[in-house]
Amino acid sequence: MNVADKLAGRRVAFVVAPEGTEQVELTRPWQAVQEAGGQPELISTKPGSIQAFNHLDKGDTFTVDKVVTDASVDDYDGLVLPGGVANPDFLRQDPNAVRFVGEFFSKQKPVAVICHGPWTLIEADVVRGRRITSFPSLQTDLRNAGAEWVDEEVVVDSGLVSSRNPNDLPAFCDKLVEEISEGRHAKQAASA
């Protein structure tokens, strides 16, 4: 199968807070989904636009396609959770965002998360018994939530793709496209 066709006809939700998303962790996976023929959609907790960051400096703004309260997991084939420190911290405080993220697991759909993004997964209580990586400062949080934290470039655990930081983006993007192209993963629901 041609890489440009791997995600043909598939919609991928990118869930981010109104500010604090690490820009490259949004734009590179977004590009990978598009290059594989998929349709990415930006979902946030508020309408309008989001303010991305390049570490601690303001980056670009991006237009929100849909507010999380108006989005249905049934409309998407996969989920990407970019990092940045503030982004997942805001998301995990929003019950609607946490519910939306958790539903991807209960409906056995692929999820890709990078950097500090797993904070939202911890809040959704979907990491128990899962093998995962993240930015190193989250390892204690993930272990306390019942996950097996490892320090690897990219980790795949039954439809859950995780990476540590922007340096891991090439491997992260390859694996998220692969997992979303494979479709549902029955073991995703085990941690939901």
Protein backbone atom coordinates (compact mmCIF):
# COMPACT_ATOMS: atom_id res chain seq x y z
CA MET A 1 0.00 0.00 0.00
CA ASN A 2 1.25 3.42 -0.94
CA VAL A 3 2.05 5.57 2.15
CA ALA A 4 -0.21 8.30 0.71
CA ASP A 5 -3.14 5.86 0.91
CA LYS A 6 -2.53 4.39 4.37
CA LEU A 7 -5.08 6.66 6.04
CA ALA A 8 -7.32 7.38 3.04
CA GLY A 9 -10.83 8.16 4.24
CA ARG A 10 -9.80 8.22 7.91
CA ARG A 11 -10.40 11.12 10.26
CA VAL A 12 -7.99 11.80 13.12
CA ALA A 13 -8.83 13.99 16.12
CA PHE A 14 -6.07 16.21 17.50
CA VAL A 15 -7.20 17.32 20.96
CA VAL A 16 -5.49 20.37 22.46
CA ALA A 17 -6.14 23.09 25.03
CA PRO A 18 -6.63 26.73 23.96
CA GLU A 19 -2.97 27.39 24.75
CA GLY A 20 0.23 25.61 25.68
CA THR A 21 0.54 23.01 22.91
CA GLU A 22 4.09 22.34 21.75
CA GLN A 23 3.78 23.47 18.14
CA VAL A 24 6.02 20.90 16.47
CA GLU A 25 4.19 18.09 18.34
CA LEU A 26 1.01 19.31 16.66
CA THR A 27 2.29 20.20 13.19
CA ARG A 28 4.54 17.20 12.46
CA PRO A 29 1.94 14.50 13.32
CA TRP A 30 -0.72 16.59 11.51
CA GLN A 31 1.50 16.60 8.41
CA ALA A 32 2.10 12.84 8.74
CA VAL A 33 -1.66 12.18 8.85
CA GLN A 34 -2.20 14.37 5.77
CA GLU A 35 0.67 12.77 3.85
CA ALA A 36 -0.85 9.35 4.57
CA GLY A 37 -4.16 10.52 3.07
CA GLY A 38 -5.96 11.11 6.37
CA GLN A 39 -8.04 14.07 7.48
CA PRO A 40 -6.83 15.68 10.74
CA GLU A 41 -9.22 17.85 12.76
CA LEU A 42 -8.29 20.23 15.55
CA ILE A 43 -10.51 19.85 18.59
CA SER A 44 -10.27 22.06 21.66
CA THR A 45 -12.24 23.02 24.75
CA LYS A 46 -13.13 26.45 23.32
CA PRO A 47 -13.99 27.67 19.81
CA GLY A 48 -11.82 30.06 17.80
CA SER A 49 -8.13 29.37 17.72
CA ILE A 50 -5.41 27.87 19.91
CA GLN A 51 -2.06 29.43 20.76
CA ALA A 52 0.81 27.01 20.20
CA PHE A 53 4.23 27.39 21.78
CA ASN A 54 7.83 26.68 20.85
CA HIS A 55 8.91 25.54 24.30
CA LEU A 56 8.12 28.66 26.40
CA ASP A 57 7.83 31.15 23.52
CA LYS A 58 4.57 31.84 21.70
CA GLY A 59 4.37 30.16 18.33
CA ASP A 60 1.59 30.25 15.76
CA THR A 61 -2.16 30.15 16.23
CA PHE A 62 -4.33 27.43 14.70
CA THR A 63 -8.05 27.47 13.96
CA VAL A 64 -10.19 25.06 15.96
CA ASP A 65 -12.38 22.79 13.79
CA LYS A 66 -14.65 21.62 16.58
CA VAL A 67 -15.23 22.05 20.31
CA VAL A 68 -14.86 18.84 22.29
CA THR A 69 -18.46 19.03 23.57
CA ASP A 70 -19.65 18.94 19.93
CA ALA A 71 -17.34 16.09 18.89
CA SER A 72 -18.17 12.39 18.83
CA VAL A 73 -15.55 9.67 19.10
CA ASP A 74 -17.62 7.70 16.57
CA ASP A 75 -16.61 10.24 13.89
CA TYR A 76 -12.87 9.54 14.24
CA ASP A 77 -10.53 6.66 13.49
CA GLY A 78 -7.79 7.76 15.89
CA LEU A 79 -6.65 10.37 18.38
CA VAL A 80 -3.42 12.36 18.71
CA LEU A 81 -2.54 14.16 21.96
CA PRO A 82 0.37 16.57 21.46
CA GLY A 83 2.39 17.69 24.46
CA GLY A 84 3.71 20.90 25.82
CA VAL A 85 3.59 21.33 29.60
CA ALA A 86 0.53 23.58 29.88
CA ASN A 87 -1.60 21.89 27.19
CA PRO A 88 -2.26 18.54 28.94
CA ASP A 89 -2.45 20.27 32.32
CA PHE A 90 -5.37 22.36 31.01
CA LEU A 91 -6.97 19.35 29.28
CA ARG A 92 -6.91 17.13 32.35
CA GLN A 93 -8.91 19.76 34.22
CA ASP A 94 -11.70 19.72 31.62
CA PRO A 95 -14.15 16.84 32.28
CA ASN A 96 -15.44 16.88 28.70
CA ALA A 97 -11.93 16.56 27.25
CA VAL A 98 -11.09 13.76 29.71
CA ARG A 99 -14.32 11.91 28.83
CA PHE A 100 -13.67 12.30 25.09
CA VAL A 101 -10.12 10.95 25.40
CA GLY A 102 -11.26 8.02 27.56
CA GLU A 103 -13.89 7.01 25.00
CA PHE A 104 -11.20 6.31 22.41
CA PHE A 105 -9.97 3.55 24.70
CA SER A 106 -13.39 2.08 25.48
CA LYS A 107 -14.18 2.07 21.73
CA GLN A 108 -10.82 0.37 21.00
CA LYS A 109 -9.50 3.16 18.76
CA PRO A 110 -5.80 4.01 18.35
CA VAL A 111 -4.35 6.82 20.47
CA ALA A 112 -0.97 8.53 20.00
CA VAL A 113 0.47 10.67 22.80
CA ILE A 114 3.78 12.49 23.16
CA CYS A 115 5.79 14.39 25.77
CA HIS A 116 3.54 15.63 28.64
CA GLY A 117 0.39 14.43 26.85
CA PRO A 118 -0.03 11.35 29.10
CA TRP A 119 -1.22 13.61 31.94
CA THR A 120 -4.60 13.61 30.19
CA LEU A 121 -4.50 9.79 29.93
CA ILE A 122 -3.77 9.54 33.66
CA GLU A 123 -6.81 11.70 34.40
CA ALA A 124 -8.93 9.49 32.12
CA ASP A 125 -7.64 6.47 34.08
CA VAL A 126 -6.58 4.55 30.97
CA VAL A 127 -2.88 3.81 31.60
CA ARG A 128 -3.21 1.08 34.25
CA GLY A 129 -1.37 -2.01 33.04
CA ARG A 130 -0.08 -0.27 29.91
CA ARG A 131 3.52 0.07 28.72
CA ILE A 132 4.20 3.73 27.89
CA THR A 133 6.85 6.40 27.57
CA SER A 134 6.68 10.17 28.03
CA PHE A 135 8.76 13.17 28.91
CA PRO A 136 10.89 11.81 31.80
CA SER A 137 9.32 14.08 34.43
CA LEU A 138 6.02 12.15 34.09
CA GLN A 139 7.46 8.74 34.90
CA THR A 140 6.46 8.83 38.59
CA ASP A 141 2.94 10.04 37.72
CA LEU A 142 2.54 7.24 35.19
CA ARG A 143 3.89 4.57 37.53
CA ASN A 144 1.59 5.80 40.30
CA ALA A 145 -1.32 5.49 37.83
CA GLY A 146 -0.40 1.84 37.23
CA ALA A 147 1.56 2.10 33.98
CA GLU A 148 4.91 0.52 33.16
CA TRP A 149 7.03 3.55 32.20
CA VAL A 150 10.02 2.97 29.90
CA ASP A 151 12.61 5.34 28.42
CA GLU A 152 12.34 4.55 24.70
CA GLU A 153 11.96 6.59 21.51
CA VAL A 154 8.54 5.15 20.69
CA VAL A 155 6.42 2.56 22.47
CA VAL A 156 3.44 0.75 20.98
CA ASP A 157 1.07 -1.12 23.31
CA SER A 158 -2.06 -2.48 21.61
CA GLY A 159 -3.01 0.69 19.77
CA LEU A 160 -1.43 3.15 22.22
CA VAL A 161 1.58 4.94 20.69
CA SER A 162 3.79 7.08 22.93
CA SER A 163 7.03 9.05 22.61
CA ARG A 164 9.15 11.26 24.86
CA ASN A 165 9.83 14.58 23.10
CA PRO A 166 10.19 16.33 19.71
CA ASN A 167 13.41 14.43 18.96
CA ASP A 168 11.26 11.27 18.73
CA LEU A 169 8.81 12.72 16.19
CA PRO A 170 9.99 10.73 13.12
CA ALA A 171 9.43 7.38 14.87
CA PHE A 172 6.27 8.66 16.60
CA CYS A 173 4.70 9.81 13.32
CA ASP A 174 5.52 6.53 11.54
CA LYS A 175 3.96 4.46 14.32
CA LEU A 176 0.84 6.60 14.74
CA VAL A 177 0.10 6.28 11.02
CA GLU A 178 0.67 2.52 11.21
CA GLU A 179 -1.57 2.02 14.26
CA ILE A 180 -4.39 4.21 12.92
CA SER A 181 -4.23 2.38 9.57
CA GLU A 182 -4.62 -0.94 11.40
CA GLY A 183 -7.89 0.22 12.94
CA ARG A 184 -9.42 -0.95 16.20
CA HIS A 185 -7.31 -2.71 18.82
CA ALA A 186 -9.33 -4.96 21.11
CA LYS A 187 -6.86 -4.60 23.98
CA GLN A 188 -7.38 -0.79 24.04
CA ALA A 189 -10.62 -1.33 25.98
CA ALA A 190 -8.86 -3.34 28.70
CA SER A 191 -7.50 -0.21 30.37
CA ALA A 192 -10.66 1.88 29.89
